[in-house]
Amino acid sequence: MAKEAELVFRTENPVNFEVADAASIPKGTVLKAADGMEASAATGDEDIVAGIAAAEKIANDGVTKIPVFRRGIFRMHLRTSTTAGQSVSTYADAGDTNDLVPATSTATGAKILGIALENKDDAVGLVELNVGANNNAYA
């Protein structure tokens, strides 16, 4: 997968989330959460974030759990002009998964993936994965 999140500094161990047996999820995919700690690939703007896939999930392999990072420092694609210190959220315009954009003023809770650590514009930069971090862009 292009644009996969690349782990740079591991700060916590991944936790297991439920996943559909039919799902195919590459390592480094941003995952959205559903009820019951179920995860699937993020597909929308400001999805509720589960975290980042710590391992590949092969479709129809009988596996229904996937390890998910919820904290750490990752290299990720920042789609639009992002300033170090800004909260970031998922963005999926035209099916671009794993793109991040600055969080809007209405993004709260787990709609915040984390905090940008570099100034970037449509480039790969460091992001602190911190699901549910405060939306400091509008503090």
N, C-alpha and C. Protein backbone atom coordinates (compact mmCIF):
# COMPACT_ATOMS: atom_id res chain seq x y z
N MET A 1 0.84 -1.18 0.00
CA MET A 1 0.00 0.00 0.00
C MET A 1 0.89 1.24 0.00
N ALA A 2 0.57 2.18 -0.84
CA ALA A 2 1.27 3.46 -0.81
C ALA A 2 0.79 4.25 0.40
N LYS A 3 1.61 5.10 0.91
CA LYS A 3 1.26 5.99 2.03
C LYS A 3 1.04 5.27 3.35
N GLU A 4 1.58 4.05 3.52
CA GLU A 4 1.40 3.41 4.81
C GLU A 4 2.15 4.17 5.89
N ALA A 5 1.61 4.14 7.10
CA ALA A 5 2.27 4.77 8.24
C ALA A 5 3.47 3.92 8.61
N GLU A 6 4.60 4.57 8.82
CA GLU A 6 5.83 3.86 9.16
C GLU A 6 6.22 4.18 10.59
N LEU A 7 6.30 3.16 11.43
CA LEU A 7 6.66 3.33 12.83
C LEU A 7 8.11 3.80 12.94
N VAL A 8 8.32 4.91 13.67
CA VAL A 8 9.66 5.45 13.90
C VAL A 8 10.08 5.19 15.35
N PHE A 9 9.20 5.51 16.31
CA PHE A 9 9.46 5.29 17.73
C PHE A 9 8.24 4.61 18.35
N ARG A 10 8.47 3.44 18.89
CA ARG A 10 7.40 2.69 19.56
C ARG A 10 7.34 3.14 21.01
N THR A 11 6.20 3.65 21.44
CA THR A 11 6.06 4.12 22.81
C THR A 11 5.15 3.24 23.65
N GLU A 12 4.35 2.41 23.00
CA GLU A 12 3.47 1.46 23.69
C GLU A 12 3.30 0.21 22.83
N ASN A 13 2.94 -0.87 23.45
CA ASN A 13 2.63 -2.09 22.72
C ASN A 13 1.27 -1.95 22.03
N PRO A 14 1.09 -2.62 20.90
CA PRO A 14 -0.22 -2.61 20.25
C PRO A 14 -1.23 -3.40 21.08
N VAL A 15 -2.51 -3.09 20.87
CA VAL A 15 -3.60 -3.83 21.50
C VAL A 15 -4.43 -4.49 20.41
N ASN A 16 -5.09 -5.58 20.75
CA ASN A 16 -5.88 -6.30 19.75
C ASN A 16 -7.26 -5.70 19.58
N PHE A 17 -7.67 -5.56 18.32
CA PHE A 17 -9.02 -5.16 17.95
C PHE A 17 -9.62 -6.31 17.13
N GLU A 18 -10.92 -6.43 17.16
CA GLU A 18 -11.63 -7.39 16.31
C GLU A 18 -11.58 -6.90 14.87
N VAL A 19 -11.55 -7.83 13.93
CA VAL A 19 -11.54 -7.49 12.51
C VAL A 19 -12.28 -8.59 11.75
N ALA A 20 -12.92 -8.23 10.67
CA ALA A 20 -13.64 -9.22 9.86
C ALA A 20 -12.66 -10.18 9.21
N ASP A 21 -12.99 -11.45 9.20
CA ASP A 21 -12.13 -12.45 8.57
C ASP A 21 -11.90 -12.11 7.10
N ALA A 22 -12.89 -11.55 6.42
CA ALA A 22 -12.78 -11.23 5.00
C ALA A 22 -11.93 -10.00 4.73
N ALA A 23 -11.56 -9.26 5.77
CA ALA A 23 -10.79 -8.02 5.58
C ALA A 23 -9.36 -8.28 5.14
N SER A 24 -8.88 -7.43 4.26
CA SER A 24 -7.48 -7.41 3.85
C SER A 24 -6.92 -6.05 4.26
N ILE A 25 -5.99 -6.04 5.23
CA ILE A 25 -5.49 -4.79 5.78
C ILE A 25 -3.96 -4.82 5.79
N PRO A 26 -3.32 -3.96 5.02
CA PRO A 26 -1.86 -3.90 5.04
C PRO A 26 -1.35 -3.32 6.36
N LYS A 27 -0.17 -3.74 6.77
CA LYS A 27 0.51 -3.14 7.92
C LYS A 27 0.67 -1.65 7.65
N GLY A 28 0.45 -0.82 8.67
CA GLY A 28 0.61 0.62 8.52
C GLY A 28 -0.66 1.34 8.08
N THR A 29 -1.78 0.62 8.00
CA THR A 29 -3.05 1.23 7.62
C THR A 29 -3.68 1.95 8.81
N VAL A 30 -4.17 3.16 8.59
CA VAL A 30 -4.95 3.85 9.61
C VAL A 30 -6.30 3.14 9.70
N LEU A 31 -6.69 2.80 10.92
CA LEU A 31 -7.92 2.05 11.14
C LEU A 31 -8.97 2.89 11.85
N LYS A 32 -10.22 2.68 11.47
CA LYS A 32 -11.32 3.33 12.17
C LYS A 32 -11.94 2.33 13.12
N ALA A 33 -12.57 2.84 14.17
CA ALA A 33 -13.14 2.00 15.21
C ALA A 33 -14.66 1.95 15.09
N ALA A 34 -15.20 0.83 15.52
CA ALA A 34 -16.64 0.66 15.63
C ALA A 34 -16.93 0.07 17.00
N ASP A 35 -18.17 -0.09 17.32
CA ASP A 35 -18.59 -0.63 18.61
C ASP A 35 -17.94 -1.99 18.87
N GLY A 36 -17.58 -2.24 20.12
CA GLY A 36 -17.02 -3.53 20.48
C GLY A 36 -15.56 -3.69 20.10
N MET A 37 -14.84 -2.59 20.00
CA MET A 37 -13.43 -2.61 19.59
C MET A 37 -13.23 -3.35 18.26
N GLU A 38 -14.10 -3.04 17.31
CA GLU A 38 -13.95 -3.58 15.96
C GLU A 38 -13.23 -2.55 15.12
N ALA A 39 -12.33 -3.00 14.25
CA ALA A 39 -11.54 -2.11 13.42
C ALA A 39 -11.66 -2.48 11.95
N SER A 40 -11.55 -1.45 11.11
CA SER A 40 -11.49 -1.62 9.66
C SER A 40 -10.71 -0.43 9.11
N ALA A 41 -10.32 -0.50 7.86
CA ALA A 41 -9.54 0.58 7.25
C ALA A 41 -10.34 1.88 7.28
N ALA A 42 -9.68 2.97 7.65
CA ALA A 42 -10.32 4.28 7.65
C ALA A 42 -10.70 4.65 6.22
N THR A 43 -11.90 5.19 6.05
CA THR A 43 -12.39 5.50 4.71
C THR A 43 -12.99 6.88 4.58
N GLY A 44 -13.03 7.65 5.66
CA GLY A 44 -13.72 8.93 5.60
C GLY A 44 -12.98 10.05 6.27
N ASP A 45 -13.54 11.23 6.16
CA ASP A 45 -12.99 12.40 6.83
C ASP A 45 -13.36 12.33 8.30
N GLU A 46 -12.38 12.55 9.15
CA GLU A 46 -12.57 12.54 10.60
C GLU A 46 -13.26 11.28 11.09
N ASP A 47 -12.78 10.13 10.62
CA ASP A 47 -13.26 8.85 11.15
C ASP A 47 -12.90 8.75 12.63
N ILE A 48 -13.63 7.95 13.37
CA ILE A 48 -13.26 7.63 14.75
C ILE A 48 -12.09 6.66 14.66
N VAL A 49 -10.94 7.07 15.17
CA VAL A 49 -9.69 6.34 14.96
C VAL A 49 -9.52 5.21 15.98
N ALA A 50 -9.20 4.02 15.47
CA ALA A 50 -8.80 2.91 16.32
C ALA A 50 -7.29 2.99 16.55
N GLY A 51 -6.55 3.31 15.49
CA GLY A 51 -5.09 3.39 15.56
C GLY A 51 -4.49 3.00 14.22
N ILE A 52 -3.31 2.40 14.26
CA ILE A 52 -2.58 2.01 13.05
C ILE A 52 -2.27 0.52 13.13
N ALA A 53 -2.56 -0.20 12.04
CA ALA A 53 -2.32 -1.65 11.99
C ALA A 53 -0.84 -1.95 12.22
N ALA A 54 -0.57 -2.78 13.22
CA ALA A 54 0.81 -3.16 13.55
C ALA A 54 1.26 -4.39 12.76
N ALA A 55 0.33 -5.04 12.08
CA ALA A 55 0.64 -6.24 11.28
C ALA A 55 -0.34 -6.31 10.12
N GLU A 56 0.03 -7.09 9.13
CA GLU A 56 -0.84 -7.30 7.97
C GLU A 56 -1.95 -8.28 8.33
N LYS A 57 -3.13 -8.04 7.79
CA LYS A 57 -4.26 -8.97 7.92
C LYS A 57 -4.62 -9.44 6.51
N ILE A 58 -4.50 -10.74 6.29
CA ILE A 58 -4.79 -11.33 4.98
C ILE A 58 -6.25 -11.77 4.95
N ALA A 59 -6.93 -11.45 3.86
CA ALA A 59 -8.36 -11.79 3.72
C ALA A 59 -8.59 -13.28 3.83
N ASN A 60 -9.65 -13.65 4.54
CA ASN A 60 -10.11 -15.04 4.65
C ASN A 60 -9.06 -16.01 5.16
N ASP A 61 -8.24 -15.54 6.11
CA ASP A 61 -7.20 -16.39 6.69
C ASP A 61 -7.63 -17.01 8.02
N GLY A 62 -8.86 -16.74 8.44
CA GLY A 62 -9.37 -17.28 9.69
C GLY A 62 -9.03 -16.42 10.91
N VAL A 63 -8.25 -15.37 10.73
CA VAL A 63 -7.85 -14.49 11.82
C VAL A 63 -8.90 -13.40 12.00
N THR A 64 -9.33 -13.16 13.24
CA THR A 64 -10.34 -12.14 13.50
C THR A 64 -9.85 -11.11 14.52
N LYS A 65 -8.55 -11.04 14.74
CA LYS A 65 -7.96 -10.01 15.60
C LYS A 65 -6.77 -9.41 14.86
N ILE A 66 -6.53 -8.12 15.13
CA ILE A 66 -5.38 -7.44 14.53
C ILE A 66 -4.74 -6.57 15.61
N PRO A 67 -3.39 -6.58 15.70
CA PRO A 67 -2.74 -5.70 16.67
C PRO A 67 -2.74 -4.26 16.14
N VAL A 68 -3.07 -3.33 17.03
CA VAL A 68 -3.25 -1.94 16.63
C VAL A 68 -2.45 -1.02 17.56
N PHE A 69 -1.60 -0.18 16.95
CA PHE A 69 -0.90 0.84 17.73
C PHE A 69 -1.86 1.99 18.01
N ARG A 70 -1.87 2.47 19.26
CA ARG A 70 -2.66 3.64 19.63
C ARG A 70 -1.76 4.79 20.08
N ARG A 71 -0.47 4.53 20.21
CA ARG A 71 0.51 5.55 20.58
C ARG A 71 1.81 5.25 19.84
N GLY A 72 2.58 6.30 19.57
CA GLY A 72 3.88 6.14 18.92
C GLY A 72 4.16 7.32 18.01
N ILE A 73 5.35 7.34 17.43
CA ILE A 73 5.74 8.35 16.45
C ILE A 73 5.84 7.65 15.10
N PHE A 74 5.12 8.19 14.11
CA PHE A 74 5.04 7.58 12.78
C PHE A 74 5.38 8.59 11.69
N ARG A 75 5.91 8.10 10.57
CA ARG A 75 6.01 8.90 9.34
C ARG A 75 4.69 8.68 8.62
N MET A 76 4.00 9.81 8.32
CA MET A 76 2.69 9.70 7.68
C MET A 76 2.53 10.82 6.66
N HIS A 77 1.58 10.64 5.75
CA HIS A 77 1.35 11.63 4.70
C HIS A 77 0.41 12.72 5.19
N LEU A 78 0.90 13.95 5.21
CA LEU A 78 0.11 15.12 5.58
C LEU A 78 -0.35 15.77 4.29
N ARG A 79 -1.63 15.65 3.99
CA ARG A 79 -2.20 16.01 2.69
C ARG A 79 -2.17 17.51 2.40
N THR A 80 -2.47 18.32 3.39
CA THR A 80 -2.53 19.77 3.20
C THR A 80 -1.59 20.46 4.17
N SER A 81 -1.45 21.75 4.03
CA SER A 81 -0.55 22.52 4.88
C SER A 81 -0.85 22.28 6.35
N THR A 82 0.13 21.70 7.02
CA THR A 82 -0.01 21.34 8.43
C THR A 82 1.17 21.92 9.19
N THR A 83 0.89 22.48 10.35
CA THR A 83 1.91 23.10 11.18
C THR A 83 2.23 22.20 12.37
N ALA A 84 3.49 22.15 12.74
CA ALA A 84 3.90 21.37 13.90
C ALA A 84 3.06 21.79 15.10
N GLY A 85 2.53 20.82 15.81
CA GLY A 85 1.70 21.09 16.97
C GLY A 85 0.21 21.03 16.69
N GLN A 86 -0.18 20.99 15.41
CA GLN A 86 -1.60 20.91 15.07
C GLN A 86 -2.14 19.50 15.26
N SER A 87 -3.37 19.41 15.71
CA SER A 87 -4.06 18.13 15.75
C SER A 87 -4.39 17.72 14.32
N VAL A 88 -4.33 16.41 14.05
CA VAL A 88 -4.63 15.91 12.71
C VAL A 88 -5.70 14.83 12.77
N SER A 89 -6.44 14.71 11.65
CA SER A 89 -7.53 13.74 11.52
C SER A 89 -7.41 13.03 10.18
N THR A 90 -8.23 11.99 10.01
CA THR A 90 -8.23 11.25 8.75
C THR A 90 -8.86 12.07 7.64
N TYR A 91 -8.48 11.73 6.42
CA TYR A 91 -9.00 12.39 5.23
C TYR A 91 -9.04 11.34 4.14
N ALA A 92 -10.14 11.24 3.43
CA ALA A 92 -10.27 10.18 2.44
C ALA A 92 -10.88 10.66 1.14
N ASP A 93 -10.58 11.88 0.72
CA ASP A 93 -11.11 12.40 -0.53
C ASP A 93 -10.66 11.51 -1.69
N ALA A 94 -11.56 11.16 -2.54
CA ALA A 94 -11.27 10.34 -3.74
C ALA A 94 -10.58 9.03 -3.36
N GLY A 95 -10.92 8.49 -2.19
CA GLY A 95 -10.38 7.20 -1.80
C GLY A 95 -8.94 7.21 -1.33
N ASP A 96 -8.39 8.39 -1.05
CA ASP A 96 -7.01 8.46 -0.55
C ASP A 96 -6.98 8.07 0.92
N THR A 97 -6.71 6.80 1.20
CA THR A 97 -6.63 6.37 2.58
C THR A 97 -5.25 6.71 3.14
N ASN A 98 -5.17 6.84 4.43
CA ASN A 98 -3.94 7.16 5.16
C ASN A 98 -3.46 8.59 4.96
N ASP A 99 -4.26 9.45 4.36
CA ASP A 99 -3.94 10.88 4.31
C ASP A 99 -4.44 11.52 5.59
N LEU A 100 -3.68 12.50 6.08
CA LEU A 100 -4.07 13.25 7.26
C LEU A 100 -4.19 14.72 6.91
N VAL A 101 -5.08 15.41 7.59
CA VAL A 101 -5.27 16.85 7.43
C VAL A 101 -5.42 17.46 8.81
N PRO A 102 -5.21 18.79 8.92
CA PRO A 102 -5.48 19.43 10.22
C PRO A 102 -6.93 19.18 10.64
N ALA A 103 -7.13 18.92 11.91
CA ALA A 103 -8.47 18.68 12.43
C ALA A 103 -9.31 19.95 12.34
N THR A 104 -10.60 19.79 12.06
CA THR A 104 -11.50 20.93 12.04
C THR A 104 -11.90 21.28 13.47
N SER A 105 -12.55 22.41 13.62
CA SER A 105 -12.94 22.86 14.96
C SER A 105 -13.96 21.94 15.61
N THR A 106 -14.64 21.11 14.83
CA THR A 106 -15.65 20.21 15.40
C THR A 106 -15.10 18.83 15.73
N ALA A 107 -13.86 18.55 15.38
CA ALA A 107 -13.27 17.23 15.66
C ALA A 107 -12.93 17.13 17.14
N THR A 108 -13.51 16.13 17.79
CA THR A 108 -13.25 15.90 19.21
C THR A 108 -13.04 14.42 19.46
N GLY A 109 -12.58 14.10 20.64
CA GLY A 109 -12.41 12.70 21.03
C GLY A 109 -11.56 11.92 20.05
N ALA A 110 -11.97 10.71 19.76
CA ALA A 110 -11.19 9.82 18.91
C ALA A 110 -11.20 10.20 17.44
N LYS A 111 -11.82 11.32 17.07
CA LYS A 111 -11.69 11.82 15.71
C LYS A 111 -10.33 12.49 15.51
N ILE A 112 -9.60 12.70 16.60
CA ILE A 112 -8.24 13.23 16.54
C ILE A 112 -7.29 12.05 16.53
N LEU A 113 -6.52 11.90 15.44
CA LEU A 113 -5.54 10.83 15.34
C LEU A 113 -4.32 11.14 16.18
N GLY A 114 -3.88 12.39 16.18
CA GLY A 114 -2.69 12.76 16.92
C GLY A 114 -2.24 14.17 16.61
N ILE A 115 -0.94 14.41 16.75
CA ILE A 115 -0.36 15.74 16.64
C ILE A 115 0.77 15.73 15.59
N ALA A 116 0.72 16.67 14.66
CA ALA A 116 1.81 16.82 13.67
C ALA A 116 3.06 17.31 14.41
N LEU A 117 4.20 16.75 14.06
CA LEU A 117 5.46 17.16 14.68
C LEU A 117 6.34 17.97 13.74
N GLU A 118 5.87 18.17 12.49
CA GLU A 118 6.62 18.92 11.50
C GLU A 118 5.67 19.77 10.66
N ASN A 119 6.19 20.84 10.10
CA ASN A 119 5.45 21.64 9.13
C ASN A 119 5.56 20.94 7.78
N LYS A 120 4.44 20.54 7.19
CA LYS A 120 4.44 19.83 5.91
C LYS A 120 3.23 20.25 5.09
N ASP A 121 3.36 20.13 3.78
CA ASP A 121 2.25 20.39 2.86
C ASP A 121 2.32 19.36 1.74
N ASP A 122 1.39 18.41 1.75
CA ASP A 122 1.36 17.31 0.79
C ASP A 122 2.69 16.57 0.76
N ALA A 123 3.16 16.19 1.94
CA ALA A 123 4.43 15.49 2.08
C ALA A 123 4.39 14.60 3.31
N VAL A 124 5.36 13.71 3.40
CA VAL A 124 5.48 12.81 4.54
C VAL A 124 6.15 13.56 5.69
N GLY A 125 5.58 13.45 6.87
CA GLY A 125 6.15 14.10 8.05
C GLY A 125 5.91 13.25 9.28
N LEU A 126 6.54 13.64 10.37
CA LEU A 126 6.38 12.92 11.62
C LEU A 126 5.08 13.33 12.32
N VAL A 127 4.39 12.32 12.83
CA VAL A 127 3.13 12.52 13.55
C VAL A 127 3.18 11.70 14.83
N GLU A 128 2.78 12.33 15.93
CA GLU A 128 2.64 11.59 17.18
C GLU A 128 1.23 10.99 17.20
N LEU A 129 1.15 9.67 17.06
CA LEU A 129 -0.12 8.99 17.17
C LEU A 129 -0.55 9.06 18.63
N ASN A 130 -1.67 9.71 18.87
CA ASN A 130 -2.19 9.91 20.22
C ASN A 130 -3.70 10.02 20.10
N VAL A 131 -4.34 8.89 19.90
CA VAL A 131 -5.77 8.86 19.64
C VAL A 131 -6.52 9.60 20.75
N GLY A 132 -7.35 10.56 20.34
CA GLY A 132 -8.15 11.31 21.29
C GLY A 132 -7.45 12.47 21.93
N ALA A 133 -6.30 12.88 21.39
CA ALA A 133 -5.59 14.05 21.92
C ALA A 133 -6.49 15.28 21.82
N ASN A 134 -6.26 16.26 22.68
CA ASN A 134 -7.04 17.50 22.61
C ASN A 134 -6.87 18.17 21.26
N ASN A 135 -7.92 18.77 20.75
CA ASN A 135 -7.86 19.50 19.49
C ASN A 135 -7.27 20.87 19.76
N ASN A 136 -5.93 20.93 19.77
CA ASN A 136 -5.24 22.17 20.14
C ASN A 136 -5.21 23.21 19.03
N ALA A 137 -5.69 22.86 17.86
CA ALA A 137 -5.70 23.85 16.77
C ALA A 137 -6.71 24.96 17.05
N TYR A 138 -7.66 24.69 17.93
CA TYR A 138 -8.73 25.65 18.19
C TYR A 138 -8.86 25.97 19.67
N ALA A 139 -7.80 25.69 20.43
CA ALA A 139 -7.83 25.95 21.88
C ALA A 139 -7.86 27.44 22.17
